[in-house]
Amino acid sequence: MSGFRLIDLFSGAGGMTLGFTDDRFCGGFESVWALDNDAAAVRTHRQNFGPHAECYDIELWLEEGRDIPQADVVVGGPPCQGFSLLNKKRQGDPRRALWQPFLDIVERSGASVFVIENVAELYRSPEFQEIETRARSIGFDVAGEVLLAADYGAPQNRRRTVMIGYSRAYSSAPSFPPLQTHAAPGSGKNLPAWRTVWDAIADLPEPKGTEIRRERAPLNLHFGRTPTQKSLDRYRSVPPGGNRFDLQRNAPELTPDCWIRKTSGGTDLFGRLWWERPSVTIRTEFFKPEKGRYLHPDQHRPITHREAARLMGFPDDFEFCGSKIEIARQIGNAVPPPLAAAIGQTVSDILKARTKLAA
């Protein structure tokens, strides 16, 4: 292989790596090292990108003085729970500070560029300024923006903060954010419309069975569940585009008491995806409709693992390893590869400019 050398930290299954290295996306990068403490995710990364992924704690790796390869770019998503609006009381959560060892590895790898991807709330948090201050102290300027995955070809309304750090020794400010590849219908932009749930999953048959099958993709992750009759009755009570409030109106006897008492908020809970729109954000428990708008648009079931992977933008030949729960976690935690590809193109432009300058 050849190309710019890529390190992926907190790599998960490798959505960012895929977007940077696969010619169907950005391409032009070579994955030389990945690090994550999720063993199943590391197996997935190795299966798709080679044996150089390590299952290890990032802080321990640094404390033990282990080798860090040289690279052109370091990318990663330090765990986001400390910033998330779903975890509002996590002041002092140590996960908020894992960008520190991330930048230690940026410095030790000799990289000219780094990318941090995280929840949208990072952008206006004090930690954003702390990261920027530390980056400047080691010779990097920083650009940041909240990006919408649907604007870059992923069939999902997922908003994420993306920070790009670029060495002052090699580069002027990059063109950032990346140019959109898709736009909302009716926006007036001369771009293809956002990809929708229909575009992503309409060709899949109804799922059969409840276990991961031996068949190759796309059907090996396209399995169902074994809902109770009560769950089936609940699914049938939610019309196209509906949610828990429709369940309450149509079948109050099937509605949990806690939902009846809570008369506002949570409009995505027990909701159906819309065929004609991108999906909502795919999280790690997408197979539980009580966690969000994860019911199929017209079938009486939650979406499958294969459908969730497609809604993230993973191609069917990407092979996930692990149990059903482990794979769901990998899918929900991933960077959508089409979004990663747009970021990768910006990084490629920076590094190409650096190469010309060095010449």
Protein backbone atom coordinates (compact mmCIF):
# COMPACT_ATOMS: atom_id res chain seq x y z
CA MET A 1 0.00 0.00 0.00
CA SER A 2 1.03 3.61 -0.36
CA GLY A 3 -0.39 6.96 0.56
CA PHE A 4 -0.40 9.32 3.50
CA ARG A 5 0.10 7.44 6.76
CA LEU A 6 -2.96 7.32 9.02
CA ILE A 7 -3.32 6.60 12.74
CA ASP A 8 -6.86 6.10 14.08
CA LEU A 9 -7.28 6.42 17.87
CA PHE A 10 -10.47 5.40 19.67
CA SER A 11 -10.94 3.76 16.30
CA GLY A 12 -13.94 1.56 17.00
CA ALA A 13 -14.88 -0.51 13.98
CA GLY A 14 -13.04 1.89 11.68
CA GLY A 15 -15.62 4.16 10.08
CA MET A 16 -13.07 6.97 9.94
CA THR A 17 -10.36 4.66 8.61
CA LEU A 18 -12.72 3.39 5.91
CA GLY A 19 -13.62 6.90 4.79
CA PHE A 20 -9.94 7.85 4.49
CA THR A 21 -8.51 4.67 2.94
CA ASP A 22 -11.18 3.15 0.68
CA ASP A 23 -11.19 4.40 -2.91
CA ARG A 24 -15.00 4.30 -2.91
CA PHE A 25 -14.80 7.14 -0.40
CA CYS A 26 -11.76 9.41 -0.15
CA GLY A 27 -8.82 7.03 -0.58
CA GLY A 28 -5.17 8.05 -0.70
CA PHE A 29 -4.37 7.07 2.89
CA GLU A 30 -2.66 4.01 4.37
CA SER A 31 -3.78 2.76 7.77
CA VAL A 32 -0.61 2.13 9.81
CA TRP A 33 -1.99 1.87 13.35
CA ALA A 34 -5.29 1.88 15.22
CA LEU A 35 -6.00 1.79 18.94
CA ASP A 36 -9.16 1.05 20.91
CA ASN A 37 -10.03 -0.69 24.19
CA ASP A 38 -13.08 -2.50 22.74
CA ALA A 39 -11.87 -5.99 21.81
CA ALA A 40 -14.72 -6.75 19.40
CA ALA A 41 -14.24 -3.42 17.60
CA VAL A 42 -10.52 -4.12 17.27
CA ARG A 43 -11.32 -7.51 15.70
CA THR A 44 -13.56 -5.72 13.22
CA HIS A 45 -10.81 -3.22 12.41
CA ARG A 46 -8.28 -6.00 11.87
CA GLN A 47 -10.70 -7.93 9.68
CA ASN A 48 -11.13 -4.97 7.35
CA PHE A 49 -7.80 -3.13 7.49
CA GLY A 50 -5.09 -5.55 8.59
CA PRO A 51 -3.34 -6.69 11.78
CA HIS A 52 -1.98 -3.37 13.04
CA ALA A 53 -4.93 -2.50 15.33
CA GLU A 54 -4.24 -2.84 19.06
CA CYS A 55 -6.69 -3.42 21.91
CA TYR A 56 -5.22 -1.30 24.69
CA ASP A 57 -5.92 1.65 26.97
CA ILE A 58 -4.46 4.79 25.40
CA GLU A 59 -3.18 6.22 28.67
CA LEU A 60 -1.53 2.94 29.63
CA TRP A 61 0.07 2.69 26.19
CA LEU A 62 1.72 6.06 26.77
CA GLU A 63 2.65 5.36 30.40
CA GLU A 64 4.43 2.17 29.37
CA GLY A 65 6.39 3.99 26.68
CA ARG A 66 5.23 1.71 23.89
CA ASP A 67 6.15 2.44 20.30
CA ILE A 68 4.10 4.91 18.28
CA PRO A 69 4.53 4.80 14.52
CA GLN A 70 5.26 7.89 12.47
CA ALA A 71 2.26 9.23 10.61
CA ASP A 72 1.02 12.12 8.50
CA VAL A 73 -2.38 12.37 10.20
CA VAL A 74 -3.91 11.21 13.46
CA VAL A 75 -7.70 10.93 13.62
CA GLY A 76 -10.03 9.88 16.38
CA GLY A 77 -13.10 10.39 18.49
CA PRO A 78 -12.28 10.50 22.21
CA PRO A 79 -15.32 9.05 24.04
CA CYS A 80 -18.15 11.53 23.96
CA GLN A 81 -20.30 10.62 26.96
CA GLY A 82 -18.82 13.40 29.07
CA PHE A 83 -20.10 16.02 26.59
CA SER A 84 -23.36 14.44 25.56
CA LEU A 85 -26.70 16.05 26.38
CA LEU A 86 -27.79 12.54 27.34
CA ASN A 87 -25.34 12.70 30.27
CA LYS A 88 -25.83 16.20 31.66
CA LYS A 89 -24.43 15.50 35.15
CA ARG A 90 -21.01 14.22 34.14
CA GLN A 91 -18.97 17.15 35.40
CA GLY A 92 -15.48 15.86 36.08
CA ASP A 93 -16.05 12.76 33.96
CA PRO A 94 -12.54 11.53 33.04
CA ARG A 95 -13.75 10.75 29.53
CA ARG A 96 -13.89 14.50 28.90
CA ALA A 97 -10.09 14.65 29.10
CA LEU A 98 -9.05 11.81 26.80
CA TRP A 99 -8.17 14.35 24.13
CA GLN A 100 -4.99 14.92 26.16
CA PRO A 101 -3.34 11.55 25.41
CA PHE A 102 -4.72 11.87 21.88
CA LEU A 103 -2.63 15.04 21.41
CA ASP A 104 0.35 13.38 23.08
CA ILE A 105 0.28 10.77 20.32
CA VAL A 106 -0.18 13.46 17.65
CA GLU A 107 3.02 15.07 18.92
CA ARG A 108 5.00 11.84 19.21
CA SER A 109 3.91 10.52 15.80
CA GLY A 110 5.24 13.54 13.94
CA ALA A 111 1.86 14.09 12.27
CA SER A 112 1.21 17.32 10.38
CA VAL A 113 -2.57 17.09 10.75
CA PHE A 114 -5.00 15.77 13.34
CA VAL A 115 -8.77 15.34 13.33
CA ILE A 116 -10.98 15.10 16.40
CA GLU A 117 -14.61 14.06 15.87
CA ASN A 118 -17.07 14.29 18.72
CA VAL A 119 -20.64 15.18 19.66
CA ALA A 120 -22.03 18.53 18.52
CA GLU A 121 -21.97 19.86 22.10
CA LEU A 122 -18.16 19.88 22.10
CA TYR A 123 -18.12 22.86 19.73
CA ARG A 124 -19.36 25.35 22.34
CA SER A 125 -17.85 23.67 25.39
CA PRO A 126 -14.88 24.90 27.45
CA GLU A 127 -13.02 21.77 26.35
CA PHE A 128 -12.97 23.01 22.76
CA GLN A 129 -10.93 26.01 23.83
CA GLU A 130 -8.71 23.80 26.02
CA ILE A 131 -7.99 21.50 23.08
CA GLU A 132 -7.25 24.48 20.86
CA THR A 133 -4.88 25.98 23.45
CA ARG A 134 -2.97 22.73 23.86
CA ALA A 135 -2.80 22.23 20.08
CA ARG A 136 -1.33 25.70 19.61
CA SER A 137 1.29 24.95 22.24
CA ILE A 138 2.60 22.04 20.12
CA GLY A 139 2.57 23.97 16.85
CA PHE A 140 -0.92 23.49 15.44
CA ASP A 141 -3.63 25.90 14.40
CA VAL A 142 -7.19 24.61 14.62
CA ALA A 143 -10.37 24.91 12.57
CA GLY A 144 -13.67 23.52 13.81
CA GLU A 145 -17.29 23.22 12.77
CA VAL A 146 -20.43 21.23 13.47
CA LEU A 147 -21.04 19.07 10.40
CA LEU A 148 -24.22 17.29 9.33
CA ALA A 149 -23.62 13.80 7.95
CA ALA A 150 -26.53 14.12 5.50
CA ASP A 151 -24.71 17.01 3.80
CA TYR A 152 -21.94 14.57 2.84
CA GLY A 153 -23.90 11.63 1.50
CA ALA A 154 -24.75 9.63 4.62
CA PRO A 155 -28.51 8.94 4.87
CA GLN A 156 -28.62 10.22 8.44
CA ASN A 157 -29.22 13.49 10.28
CA ARG A 158 -26.19 13.13 12.53
CA ARG A 159 -24.51 16.32 13.75
CA ARG A 160 -20.91 16.10 14.95
CA THR A 161 -18.18 18.53 15.91
CA VAL A 162 -15.12 18.12 13.73
CA MET A 163 -11.82 19.80 14.65
CA ILE A 164 -8.88 19.84 12.24
CA GLY A 165 -5.47 20.77 13.55
CA TYR A 166 -2.77 21.61 11.01
CA SER A 167 0.90 22.28 11.62
CA ARG A 168 1.86 25.94 11.27
CA ALA A 169 5.20 24.80 9.90
CA TYR A 170 3.64 23.35 6.76
CA SER A 171 0.24 24.77 5.98
CA SER A 172 -1.93 27.83 5.80
CA ALA A 173 -5.55 27.63 6.90
CA PRO A 174 -7.43 24.91 5.01
CA SER A 175 -10.74 25.32 3.26
CA PHE A 176 -13.07 24.25 6.04
CA PRO A 177 -15.75 23.02 6.45
CA PRO A 178 -15.58 20.63 3.50
CA LEU A 179 -17.78 21.49 0.54
CA GLN A 180 -21.16 19.80 0.78
CA THR A 181 -21.85 16.92 -1.60
CA HIS A 182 -25.61 16.78 -0.89
CA ALA A 183 -28.26 19.28 0.22
CA ALA A 184 -31.74 19.39 1.69
CA PRO A 185 -34.50 19.15 -0.92
CA GLY A 186 -35.73 22.61 -1.82
CA SER A 187 -32.57 24.29 -0.53
CA GLY A 188 -31.87 25.85 -3.91
CA LYS A 189 -28.37 24.39 -3.98
CA ASN A 190 -27.24 22.72 -7.17
CA LEU A 191 -26.42 19.46 -5.40
CA PRO A 192 -27.97 16.00 -5.18
CA ALA A 193 -30.68 15.76 -2.54
CA TRP A 194 -29.93 14.19 0.81
CA ARG A 195 -29.93 10.40 0.67
CA THR A 196 -33.00 8.98 2.37
CA VAL A 197 -34.00 5.89 4.29
CA TRP A 198 -35.59 4.63 1.07
CA ASP A 199 -32.32 5.06 -0.83
CA ALA A 200 -30.43 3.13 1.83
CA ILE A 201 -32.61 0.17 2.75
CA ALA A 202 -35.69 -0.15 0.51
CA ASP A 203 -34.15 -2.98 -1.54
CA LEU A 204 -33.68 -5.29 1.46
CA PRO A 205 -36.14 -8.16 1.93
CA GLU A 206 -37.96 -8.73 5.19
CA PRO A 207 -35.48 -10.20 7.69
CA LYS A 208 -35.55 -13.90 8.51
CA GLY A 209 -34.39 -15.52 11.73
CA THR A 210 -32.94 -13.92 14.83
CA GLU A 211 -29.25 -14.81 14.63
CA ILE A 212 -26.21 -13.61 12.70
CA ARG A 213 -26.02 -15.89 9.68
CA ARG A 214 -23.10 -17.36 7.82
CA GLU A 215 -24.10 -15.77 4.54
CA ARG A 216 -21.99 -12.91 3.35
CA ALA A 217 -23.39 -9.39 3.38
CA PRO A 218 -25.93 -7.96 2.97
CA LEU A 219 -28.07 -10.60 4.65
CA ASN A 220 -25.69 -11.80 7.35
CA LEU A 221 -26.67 -8.88 9.63
CA HIS A 222 -30.23 -8.64 8.39
CA PHE A 223 -31.92 -10.62 11.15
CA GLY A 224 -35.00 -9.92 13.23
CA ARG A 225 -35.99 -10.28 16.86
CA THR A 226 -38.57 -12.33 18.71
CA PRO A 227 -41.04 -9.72 19.97
CA THR A 228 -43.85 -10.58 22.32
CA GLN A 229 -47.42 -10.28 21.14
CA LYS A 230 -47.70 -7.12 23.23
CA SER A 231 -44.73 -5.59 21.39
CA LEU A 232 -46.21 -6.53 18.02
CA ASP A 233 -49.49 -4.93 18.99
CA ARG A 234 -47.62 -1.79 19.99
CA TYR A 235 -45.75 -1.68 16.66
CA ARG A 236 -49.03 -2.03 14.74
CA SER A 237 -50.51 0.89 16.67
CA VAL A 238 -47.88 3.32 15.34
CA PRO A 239 -48.76 4.68 11.84
CA PRO A 240 -46.21 5.79 9.22
CA GLY A 241 -44.19 8.65 10.67
CA GLY A 242 -45.81 8.17 14.08
CA ASN A 243 -44.35 7.84 17.54
CA ARG A 244 -45.24 7.07 21.15
CA PHE A 245 -48.02 9.66 21.20
CA ASP A 246 -49.81 7.73 18.46
CA LEU A 247 -49.42 4.58 20.52
CA GLN A 248 -50.98 6.40 23.45
CA ARG A 249 -53.91 7.62 21.33
CA ASN A 250 -54.50 4.35 19.47
CA ALA A 251 -53.78 1.84 22.22
CA PRO A 252 -53.62 3.49 25.66
CA GLU A 253 -53.89 0.07 27.30
CA LEU A 254 -50.55 -0.86 25.67
CA THR A 255 -48.76 2.36 26.62
CA PRO A 256 -46.32 2.29 29.56
CA ASP A 257 -47.55 4.36 32.49
CA CYS A 258 -44.37 6.46 32.50
CA TRP A 259 -45.13 7.60 28.93
CA ILE A 260 -48.72 8.46 29.81
CA ARG A 261 -47.52 10.61 32.71
CA LYS A 262 -44.92 12.31 30.51
CA THR A 263 -47.05 14.41 28.18
CA SER A 264 -44.26 16.32 26.44
CA GLY A 265 -40.83 15.68 24.98
CA GLY A 266 -39.46 12.47 23.54
CA THR A 267 -41.20 12.73 20.18
CA ASP A 268 -38.83 10.20 18.59
CA LEU A 269 -39.46 7.47 21.17
CA PHE A 270 -41.16 4.46 19.63
CA GLY A 271 -41.24 6.33 16.33
CA ARG A 272 -41.13 5.13 12.75
CA LEU A 273 -38.44 6.28 10.36
CA TRP A 274 -39.68 8.20 7.32
CA TRP A 275 -38.97 6.71 3.91
CA GLU A 276 -38.50 10.11 2.30
CA ARG A 277 -36.03 11.57 4.82
CA PRO A 278 -32.59 10.71 6.15
CA SER A 279 -32.75 8.68 9.34
CA VAL A 280 -32.42 10.11 12.82
CA THR A 281 -29.06 9.63 14.55
CA ILE A 282 -28.28 5.93 14.82
CA ARG A 283 -27.17 5.17 18.37
CA THR A 284 -25.90 1.97 19.94
CA GLU A 285 -29.33 0.59 20.92
CA PHE A 286 -31.12 1.17 17.63
CA PHE A 287 -32.67 -2.30 17.94
CA LYS A 288 -34.81 -1.04 20.85
CA PRO A 289 -37.65 1.18 19.56
CA GLU A 290 -38.24 2.56 23.04
CA LYS A 291 -34.85 4.28 22.67
CA GLY A 292 -35.71 6.39 19.63
CA ARG A 293 -37.22 6.56 16.15
CA TYR A 294 -36.02 3.10 15.20
CA LEU A 295 -39.14 1.36 13.91
CA HIS A 296 -39.08 0.39 10.24
CA PRO A 297 -41.07 2.83 8.08
CA ASP A 298 -43.85 0.34 7.33
CA GLN A 299 -42.95 -3.10 8.71
CA HIS A 300 -43.90 -3.89 12.29
CA ARG A 301 -40.39 -4.22 13.73
CA PRO A 302 -37.29 -2.25 14.69
CA ILE A 303 -34.58 -1.80 12.08
CA THR A 304 -32.00 -4.55 11.70
CA HIS A 305 -28.25 -4.36 12.17
CA ARG A 306 -27.77 -4.36 8.39
CA GLU A 307 -30.23 -1.52 7.96
CA ALA A 308 -28.50 0.47 10.70
CA ALA A 309 -25.10 -0.12 9.07
CA ARG A 310 -26.44 1.13 5.75
CA LEU A 311 -27.96 4.19 7.43
CA MET A 312 -24.45 4.96 8.72
CA GLY A 313 -23.07 4.63 5.18
CA PHE A 314 -21.17 1.35 5.58
CA PRO A 315 -21.00 -0.74 2.40
CA ASP A 316 -22.35 -4.27 2.62
CA ASP A 317 -18.91 -5.84 2.21
CA PHE A 318 -17.64 -4.27 5.43
CA GLU A 319 -17.39 -7.17 7.89
CA PHE A 320 -18.34 -6.65 11.53
CA CYS A 321 -17.10 -9.01 14.24
CA GLY A 322 -18.63 -9.77 17.63
CA SER A 323 -21.96 -10.48 19.26
CA LYS A 324 -25.18 -8.75 18.23
CA ILE A 325 -24.82 -6.23 21.06
CA GLU A 326 -21.13 -5.66 20.34
CA ILE A 327 -21.81 -5.06 16.64
CA ALA A 328 -24.68 -2.69 17.44
CA ARG A 329 -22.32 -0.70 19.66
CA GLN A 330 -19.75 -0.54 16.86
CA ILE A 331 -22.33 0.69 14.36
CA GLY A 332 -23.82 3.32 16.67
CA ASN A 333 -20.42 4.66 17.76
CA ALA A 334 -18.93 4.88 14.26
CA VAL A 335 -18.15 7.91 12.16
CA PRO A 336 -20.29 7.61 9.01
CA PRO A 337 -17.77 6.75 6.28
CA PRO A 338 -19.18 9.30 3.78
CA LEU A 339 -18.63 12.05 6.36
CA ALA A 340 -15.15 10.70 7.07
CA ALA A 341 -14.44 10.84 3.33
CA ALA A 342 -15.27 14.54 3.17
CA ILE A 343 -12.97 15.19 6.11
CA GLY A 344 -10.31 13.02 4.47
CA GLN A 345 -10.41 15.13 1.32
CA THR A 346 -9.70 18.26 3.35
CA VAL A 347 -6.81 16.50 5.10
CA SER A 348 -5.48 15.25 1.76
CA ASP A 349 -5.48 18.80 0.39
CA ILE A 350 -3.50 20.00 3.43
CA LEU A 351 -0.94 17.24 3.11
CA LYS A 352 -0.54 17.71 -0.64
CA ALA A 353 0.13 21.40 -0.07
CA ARG A 354 2.71 20.44 2.55
CA THR A 355 4.41 18.09 0.08
CA LYS A 356 4.63 20.83 -2.55
CA LEU A 357 6.03 23.27 0.00
CA ALA A 358 8.68 20.76 1.13
CA ALA A 359 9.70 20.19 -2.49
